[in-house]
Protein backbone atom coordinates (compact mmCIF):
# COMPACT_ATOMS: atom_id res chain seq x y z
CA LYS A 1 -2.27 6.55 16.00
CA MET A 2 0.82 5.58 14.87
CA SER A 3 2.44 2.13 15.20
CA HIS A 4 5.92 1.42 16.07
CA ASN A 5 6.76 0.40 13.04
CA SER A 6 6.60 3.56 10.80
CA SER A 7 9.60 5.16 12.97
CA TYR A 8 11.92 2.22 11.49
CA PHE A 9 11.18 3.36 7.67
CA HIS A 10 12.03 6.80 6.42
CA LYS A 11 12.44 5.15 3.18
CA PRO A 12 9.37 3.84 1.16
CA GLU A 13 11.69 1.21 -0.33
CA ASN A 14 12.77 -0.10 3.12
CA ALA A 15 9.03 -0.52 4.12
CA LEU A 16 8.30 -2.20 0.90
CA ARG A 17 11.09 -4.86 1.68
CA ARG A 18 10.19 -5.45 4.94
CA ALA A 19 6.41 -6.02 4.01
CA GLN A 20 7.67 -8.31 1.33
CA GLU A 21 9.52 -10.58 3.88
CA LEU A 22 6.44 -10.60 6.30
CA THR A 23 4.60 -12.15 3.61
CA SER A 24 7.19 -14.59 3.00
CA ILE A 25 6.94 -15.80 6.40
CA ASN A 26 3.24 -15.98 6.56
CA GLN A 27 2.47 -12.89 8.30
CA PRO A 28 0.68 -10.75 5.86
CA SER A 29 -1.55 -8.91 8.28
CA ALA A 30 1.66 -7.59 9.76
CA ALA A 31 2.86 -6.32 6.35
CA LEU A 32 -0.57 -4.82 5.60
CA THR A 33 -0.47 -2.94 9.09
CA LEU A 34 3.18 -1.73 8.36
CA LEU A 35 2.19 -0.45 4.69
CA HIS A 36 -0.82 1.30 5.95
CA ASP A 37 1.47 2.95 8.21
CA VAL A 38 3.45 4.17 5.57
CA LEU A 39 0.30 5.29 3.20
CA SER A 40 -1.04 7.26 6.07
CA SER A 41 2.43 8.83 7.57
CA ARG A 42 2.23 12.53 7.34
CA ARG A 43 6.04 12.29 7.05
CA HIS A 44 6.43 10.89 3.50
CA LYS A 45 5.17 13.77 1.28
CA THR A 46 7.02 13.19 -1.70
CA TRP A 47 5.52 11.01 -4.49
CA SER A 48 8.18 8.19 -5.73
CA PRO A 49 7.52 5.13 -7.96
CA THR A 50 8.17 2.99 -5.08
CA TYR A 51 4.54 4.28 -3.70
CA GLU A 52 2.97 2.54 -6.38
CA GLN A 53 4.72 -0.56 -5.85
CA ILE A 54 3.63 -0.15 -2.19
CA MET A 55 0.19 0.36 -3.13
CA ILE A 56 0.11 -2.70 -5.64
CA THR A 57 1.57 -4.74 -2.73
CA TYR A 58 -0.85 -3.57 -0.13
CA LEU A 59 -3.81 -3.74 -2.39
CA ASN A 60 -2.64 -7.50 -3.00
CA LEU A 61 -2.56 -7.96 0.84
CA CYS A 62 -6.14 -6.67 1.08
CA LEU A 63 -7.75 -8.78 -1.44
CA ASN A 64 -6.10 -11.68 -0.10
CA LEU A 65 -7.11 -11.04 3.24
CA ASN A 66 -10.58 -9.88 2.19
CA LYS A 67 -10.12 -6.34 3.84
CA SER A 68 -12.18 -3.96 1.51
CA ARG A 69 -12.44 -0.94 3.88
CA GLU A 70 -8.58 -0.91 4.21
CA ALA A 71 -8.25 -0.92 0.49
CA LYS A 72 -10.63 2.13 0.14
CA ASP A 73 -8.86 3.77 2.86
CA GLY A 74 -5.23 2.97 1.13
CA LEU A 75 -6.65 4.15 -2.18
CA HIS A 76 -7.84 7.46 -0.16
CA GLN A 77 -4.37 8.23 1.21
CA TYR A 78 -2.82 7.07 -2.23
CA ARG A 79 -4.82 9.76 -4.03
CA ASN A 80 -3.85 12.03 -1.66
CA LEU A 81 0.02 11.31 -1.94
CA SER A 82 -0.03 11.23 -5.83
CA GLN A 83 -2.81 13.30 -7.46
CA SER A 84 -0.49 16.57 -7.40
CA GLN A 85 2.86 14.57 -8.39
CA ALA A 86 1.89 11.70 -10.66
CA PRO A 87 -1.97 11.65 -11.21
CA GLY A 88 -1.53 8.56 -13.77
CA SER A 89 -0.33 6.57 -10.84
CA LEU A 90 -3.51 6.43 -8.83
CA GLU A 91 -5.33 5.09 -12.47
CA ASN A 92 -2.71 2.57 -12.81
CA VAL A 93 -3.24 1.40 -9.29
CA ILE A 94 -7.00 1.49 -9.82
CA ARG A 95 -6.88 -0.21 -12.91
CA TYR A 96 -4.54 -2.73 -11.37
CA LEU A 97 -7.32 -3.40 -8.46
CA ILE A 98 -10.14 -4.22 -10.79
CA ASP A 99 -8.44 -6.34 -12.84
CA ALA A 100 -6.84 -8.43 -9.82
CA ALA A 101 -10.56 -8.33 -8.15
CA GLU A 102 -12.06 -9.80 -11.20
CA LYS A 103 -9.51 -12.55 -11.48
CA LYS A 104 -10.17 -13.37 -7.52
CA CYS A 105 -13.69 -13.45 -8.31
CA ARG A 106 -13.60 -15.95 -11.55
């Protein structure tokens, strides 16, 4: 199921910018949905560093909204996207998540 969001954002940079705007106007759930659409979209198949930024933004939203299932799903999507082209990026993202989650638990 694709929401109407994904058709607007052929470029991941635009989606990231929009998600940051949504977060800044206190709409984190909308930002999360948007980034989830981007991560799960079949259209985007070429990894770029922007996707790592998207993933970190996405995981921050998941942590702040206590959405562990979405975090796990996003990581699966990201693994599929990054594993052949940027395996080190998945490791960065997982390390980031562990650090951020530990900070949140303190």
